[in-house]
Amino acid sequence: MVITLNRPRRLNLLGSQMRRELDEVLQLAARDHEVRVAIGTGAGRAFCVGTDIKEWATCTPPIRLLQEMT
């Protein structure tokens, strides 16, 4: 399975929506017995430059995002 982060204008920053979608896809892959390996890639010129700090500052407190990830 190839998983492509597709937010090239923002260099594939990981915001809360992308994190949820990535978690969903990884859970589906884990349950699919046909999937033996997952390869991550990014659309555009970067794989992923990190977390979307602007989203953290304007939407949800960082501690809450960390709690959602676990």
N, C-alpha and C. Protein backbone atom coordinates (compact mmCIF):
# COMPACT_ATOMS: atom_id res chain seq x y z
N MET A 1 0.84 -1.17 0.00
CA MET A 1 0.00 0.00 0.00
C MET A 1 0.89 1.23 0.00
N VAL A 2 0.53 2.19 -0.84
CA VAL A 2 1.24 3.47 -0.86
C VAL A 2 0.30 4.54 -0.30
N ILE A 3 0.78 5.24 0.70
CA ILE A 3 0.00 6.31 1.34
C ILE A 3 0.67 7.63 0.97
N THR A 4 -0.08 8.49 0.28
CA THR A 4 0.47 9.76 -0.16
C THR A 4 -0.15 10.91 0.62
N LEU A 5 0.69 11.67 1.30
CA LEU A 5 0.24 12.90 1.94
C LEU A 5 0.01 13.90 0.82
N ASN A 6 -1.19 14.48 0.75
CA ASN A 6 -1.53 15.31 -0.40
C ASN A 6 -1.97 16.71 0.02
N ARG A 7 -1.01 17.45 0.47
CA ARG A 7 -1.22 18.86 0.83
C ARG A 7 0.01 19.65 0.35
N PRO A 8 0.28 19.55 -0.97
CA PRO A 8 1.55 20.08 -1.48
C PRO A 8 1.75 21.58 -1.30
N ARG A 9 0.68 22.35 -1.32
CA ARG A 9 0.84 23.81 -1.15
C ARG A 9 1.41 24.16 0.22
N ARG A 10 1.14 23.30 1.19
CA ARG A 10 1.66 23.52 2.56
C ARG A 10 2.78 22.54 2.88
N LEU A 11 3.39 21.97 1.85
CA LEU A 11 4.49 21.01 2.00
C LEU A 11 4.10 19.82 2.88
N ASN A 12 2.83 19.43 2.76
CA ASN A 12 2.28 18.26 3.45
C ASN A 12 2.37 18.35 4.98
N LEU A 13 2.13 19.55 5.49
CA LEU A 13 2.07 19.73 6.94
C LEU A 13 1.00 18.83 7.53
N LEU A 14 1.27 18.29 8.69
CA LEU A 14 0.31 17.43 9.38
C LEU A 14 -0.58 18.26 10.29
N GLY A 15 -1.78 18.52 9.83
CA GLY A 15 -2.79 19.18 10.65
C GLY A 15 -3.69 18.12 11.26
N SER A 16 -4.66 18.54 12.04
CA SER A 16 -5.52 17.58 12.73
C SER A 16 -6.33 16.72 11.76
N GLN A 17 -6.81 17.30 10.66
CA GLN A 17 -7.57 16.51 9.70
C GLN A 17 -6.68 15.45 9.03
N MET A 18 -5.48 15.85 8.62
CA MET A 18 -4.60 14.88 7.98
C MET A 18 -4.20 13.79 8.96
N ARG A 19 -3.99 14.15 10.23
CA ARG A 19 -3.66 13.14 11.24
C ARG A 19 -4.78 12.12 11.38
N ARG A 20 -6.03 12.62 11.43
CA ARG A 20 -7.17 11.70 11.55
C ARG A 20 -7.26 10.80 10.33
N GLU A 21 -7.11 11.38 9.13
CA GLU A 21 -7.18 10.59 7.90
C GLU A 21 -6.05 9.56 7.84
N LEU A 22 -4.85 9.95 8.24
CA LEU A 22 -3.72 9.03 8.23
C LEU A 22 -3.97 7.89 9.22
N ASP A 23 -4.47 8.21 10.40
CA ASP A 23 -4.79 7.19 11.39
C ASP A 23 -5.83 6.21 10.84
N GLU A 24 -6.85 6.75 10.18
CA GLU A 24 -7.90 5.92 9.57
C GLU A 24 -7.32 4.96 8.54
N VAL A 25 -6.48 5.48 7.65
CA VAL A 25 -5.88 4.65 6.60
C VAL A 25 -4.98 3.58 7.21
N LEU A 26 -4.20 3.94 8.22
CA LEU A 26 -3.32 2.96 8.84
C LEU A 26 -4.11 1.87 9.56
N GLN A 27 -5.22 2.23 10.17
CA GLN A 27 -6.07 1.22 10.81
C GLN A 27 -6.67 0.28 9.77
N LEU A 28 -7.12 0.84 8.64
CA LEU A 28 -7.64 0.00 7.55
C LEU A 28 -6.55 -0.94 7.04
N ALA A 29 -5.36 -0.43 6.86
CA ALA A 29 -4.25 -1.26 6.38
C ALA A 29 -3.94 -2.38 7.37
N ALA A 30 -3.99 -2.08 8.65
CA ALA A 30 -3.70 -3.09 9.67
C ALA A 30 -4.72 -4.22 9.65
N ARG A 31 -5.96 -3.92 9.28
CA ARG A 31 -7.01 -4.95 9.24
C ARG A 31 -7.06 -5.70 7.91
N ASP A 32 -6.42 -5.16 6.89
CA ASP A 32 -6.45 -5.77 5.56
C ASP A 32 -5.32 -6.80 5.44
N HIS A 33 -5.68 -8.06 5.34
CA HIS A 33 -4.68 -9.12 5.30
C HIS A 33 -3.89 -9.13 3.99
N GLU A 34 -4.35 -8.41 2.98
CA GLU A 34 -3.63 -8.30 1.71
C GLU A 34 -2.47 -7.30 1.81
N VAL A 35 -2.54 -6.39 2.76
CA VAL A 35 -1.49 -5.37 2.91
C VAL A 35 -0.38 -5.94 3.78
N ARG A 36 0.82 -5.97 3.21
CA ARG A 36 1.97 -6.49 3.95
C ARG A 36 2.95 -5.39 4.30
N VAL A 37 2.87 -4.28 3.55
CA VAL A 37 3.77 -3.15 3.81
C VAL A 37 3.05 -1.87 3.39
N ALA A 38 3.33 -0.79 4.10
CA ALA A 38 2.78 0.52 3.74
C ALA A 38 3.97 1.46 3.52
N ILE A 39 3.94 2.14 2.40
CA ILE A 39 4.99 3.09 2.05
C ILE A 39 4.40 4.49 2.09
N GLY A 40 5.05 5.38 2.81
CA GLY A 40 4.58 6.76 2.90
C GLY A 40 5.33 7.65 1.93
N THR A 41 4.60 8.52 1.26
CA THR A 41 5.21 9.47 0.33
C THR A 41 4.44 10.78 0.42
N GLY A 42 4.97 11.82 -0.17
CA GLY A 42 4.31 13.11 -0.14
C GLY A 42 4.16 13.68 -1.53
N ALA A 43 3.03 14.32 -1.78
CA ALA A 43 2.79 14.99 -3.07
C ALA A 43 3.62 16.27 -3.11
N GLY A 44 4.08 16.62 -4.30
CA GLY A 44 4.84 17.86 -4.45
C GLY A 44 6.30 17.68 -4.13
N ARG A 45 6.91 18.74 -3.64
CA ARG A 45 8.37 18.74 -3.48
C ARG A 45 8.86 18.31 -2.10
N ALA A 46 7.95 17.98 -1.18
CA ALA A 46 8.37 17.57 0.16
C ALA A 46 7.54 16.40 0.64
N PHE A 47 8.16 15.51 1.40
CA PHE A 47 7.40 14.42 2.02
C PHE A 47 6.47 15.00 3.07
N CYS A 48 7.04 15.64 4.07
CA CYS A 48 6.27 16.27 5.15
C CYS A 48 7.23 17.13 5.95
N VAL A 49 6.89 18.40 6.10
CA VAL A 49 7.79 19.29 6.83
C VAL A 49 7.46 19.38 8.31
N GLY A 50 6.47 18.62 8.76
CA GLY A 50 6.18 18.58 10.19
C GLY A 50 4.73 18.90 10.52
N THR A 51 4.53 19.32 11.75
CA THR A 51 3.21 19.64 12.26
C THR A 51 2.81 21.06 11.88
N ASP A 52 1.54 21.26 11.62
CA ASP A 52 1.02 22.58 11.26
C ASP A 52 0.90 23.43 12.53
N ILE A 53 1.94 24.19 12.84
CA ILE A 53 2.00 25.01 14.05
C ILE A 53 0.95 26.12 14.03
N LYS A 54 0.65 26.67 12.84
CA LYS A 54 -0.37 27.71 12.75
C LYS A 54 -1.73 27.17 13.22
N GLU A 55 -2.03 25.93 12.87
CA GLU A 55 -3.28 25.32 13.32
C GLU A 55 -3.29 25.19 14.84
N TRP A 56 -2.19 24.79 15.40
CA TRP A 56 -2.10 24.66 16.85
C TRP A 56 -2.38 25.99 17.53
N ALA A 57 -1.83 27.05 16.97
CA ALA A 57 -1.95 28.36 17.59
C ALA A 57 -3.37 28.93 17.50
N THR A 58 -4.11 28.57 16.45
CA THR A 58 -5.42 29.20 16.24
C THR A 58 -6.61 28.31 16.57
N CYS A 59 -6.42 27.00 16.63
CA CYS A 59 -7.59 26.12 16.79
C CYS A 59 -7.65 25.41 18.13
N THR A 60 -6.80 24.46 18.30
CA THR A 60 -6.87 23.58 19.45
C THR A 60 -5.58 23.67 20.25
N PRO A 61 -5.66 23.73 21.56
CA PRO A 61 -4.44 23.76 22.35
C PRO A 61 -3.58 22.52 22.05
N PRO A 62 -2.26 22.70 21.97
CA PRO A 62 -1.38 21.58 21.64
C PRO A 62 -1.57 20.35 22.51
N ILE A 63 -1.80 20.51 23.79
CA ILE A 63 -1.96 19.34 24.66
C ILE A 63 -3.16 18.50 24.23
N ARG A 64 -4.22 19.15 23.77
CA ARG A 64 -5.40 18.41 23.32
C ARG A 64 -5.11 17.62 22.05
N LEU A 65 -4.33 18.21 21.13
CA LEU A 65 -3.94 17.48 19.93
C LEU A 65 -3.14 16.25 20.27
N LEU A 66 -2.22 16.39 21.24
CA LEU A 66 -1.42 15.24 21.66
C LEU A 66 -2.32 14.16 22.25
N GLN A 67 -3.33 14.55 23.02
CA GLN A 67 -4.25 13.58 23.60
C GLN A 67 -5.05 12.87 22.51
N GLU A 68 -5.43 13.58 21.44
CA GLU A 68 -6.18 12.98 20.34
C GLU A 68 -5.34 11.95 19.61
N MET A 69 -4.03 12.16 19.57
CA MET A 69 -3.15 11.25 18.83
C MET A 69 -2.95 9.92 19.56
N THR A 70 -3.20 9.89 20.85
CA THR A 70 -2.95 8.65 21.60
C THR A 70 -4.20 7.84 21.78
